[in-house]
Amino acid sequence: MILIDKVGHMVSDSSLEELHEFAKRIFMRREWFQDKNNHPHYDLTTGNAKERALEKGAIMVNSKELAQRMVRQ
């Protein structure tokens, strides 16, 4: 499942493959992927990106839940 928070972080709770495929579907580039401190995510930096993610099925959660559920490498 793809999860986003209000800040604009987008993660997967099942696999990095799912995360990358979803990012591609909402027109994000692979080079925008971030994995700082083993927290793999994309930053949704515009309102349009968040809207596209939600329209495609991402689930809005709070930041604490997002951090707890994100897949780790």
Protein backbone atom coordinates (compact mmCIF):
# COMPACT_ATOMS: atom_id res chain seq x y z
CA MET A 1 0.00 0.00 0.00
CA ILE A 2 1.21 3.52 -0.77
CA LEU A 3 1.04 5.96 2.12
CA ILE A 4 1.51 9.73 2.23
CA ASP A 5 1.54 12.23 5.07
CA LYS A 6 0.54 15.89 5.17
CA VAL A 7 4.18 16.95 4.86
CA GLY A 8 4.34 15.18 1.49
CA HIS A 9 6.39 12.06 2.13
CA MET A 10 5.31 9.07 0.05
CA VAL A 11 6.27 5.52 1.06
CA SER A 12 5.22 1.92 0.57
CA ASP A 13 4.45 -0.51 3.35
CA SER A 14 5.18 -3.55 1.18
CA SER A 15 8.07 -3.02 -1.26
CA LEU A 16 10.35 -0.53 -2.92
CA GLU A 17 9.23 -1.91 -6.27
CA GLU A 18 5.65 -0.87 -5.45
CA LEU A 19 6.87 2.58 -4.42
CA HIS A 20 8.84 3.12 -7.64
CA GLU A 21 6.00 1.87 -9.85
CA PHE A 22 3.51 4.14 -8.12
CA ALA A 23 5.85 7.12 -8.40
CA LYS A 24 6.15 6.48 -12.12
CA ARG A 25 2.34 6.42 -12.45
CA ILE A 26 2.09 9.89 -10.92
CA PHE A 27 4.88 11.28 -13.13
CA MET A 28 7.71 11.33 -10.63
CA ARG A 29 11.28 10.66 -11.74
CA ARG A 30 13.32 7.84 -10.21
CA GLU A 31 16.17 10.25 -9.46
CA TRP A 32 13.84 12.03 -7.01
CA PHE A 33 13.81 8.92 -4.80
CA GLN A 34 15.41 9.47 -1.40
CA ASP A 35 16.79 6.93 1.05
CA LYS A 36 18.25 9.04 3.82
CA ASN A 37 19.00 7.04 6.97
CA ASN A 38 17.17 4.01 5.58
CA HIS A 39 13.90 5.92 5.16
CA PRO A 40 13.07 5.27 1.50
CA HIS A 41 10.57 7.79 0.17
CA TYR A 42 9.63 10.33 -2.44
CA ASP A 43 8.81 13.92 -1.52
CA LEU A 44 5.55 15.21 -2.97
CA THR A 45 6.49 18.86 -3.18
CA THR A 46 3.34 20.26 -4.80
CA GLY A 47 -0.34 20.07 -4.06
CA ASN A 48 -0.87 18.58 -7.51
CA ALA A 49 1.47 15.70 -6.71
CA LYS A 50 -0.42 14.94 -3.50
CA GLU A 51 -3.74 15.09 -5.35
CA ARG A 52 -2.48 12.72 -8.07
CA ALA A 53 -1.24 10.28 -5.43
CA LEU A 54 -4.57 10.28 -3.61
CA GLU A 55 -6.49 9.92 -6.89
CA LYS A 56 -4.39 6.87 -7.77
CA GLY A 57 -5.09 5.24 -4.40
CA ALA A 58 -2.51 6.45 -1.90
CA ILE A 59 -3.73 6.61 1.68
CA MET A 60 -3.21 9.70 3.86
CA VAL A 61 -1.81 8.87 7.31
CA ASN A 62 -0.13 10.87 10.03
CA SER A 63 3.67 11.12 10.03
CA LYS A 64 4.11 8.74 12.96
CA GLU A 65 2.11 5.97 11.29
CA LEU A 66 3.92 6.55 8.01
CA ALA A 67 7.31 6.12 9.70
CA GLN A 68 6.18 2.98 11.51
CA ARG A 69 4.79 1.32 8.39
CA MET A 70 7.33 2.22 5.71
CA VAL A 71 9.25 -0.62 4.13
CA ARG A 72 12.96 -0.65 4.97
CA GLN A 73 15.69 -1.89 2.69
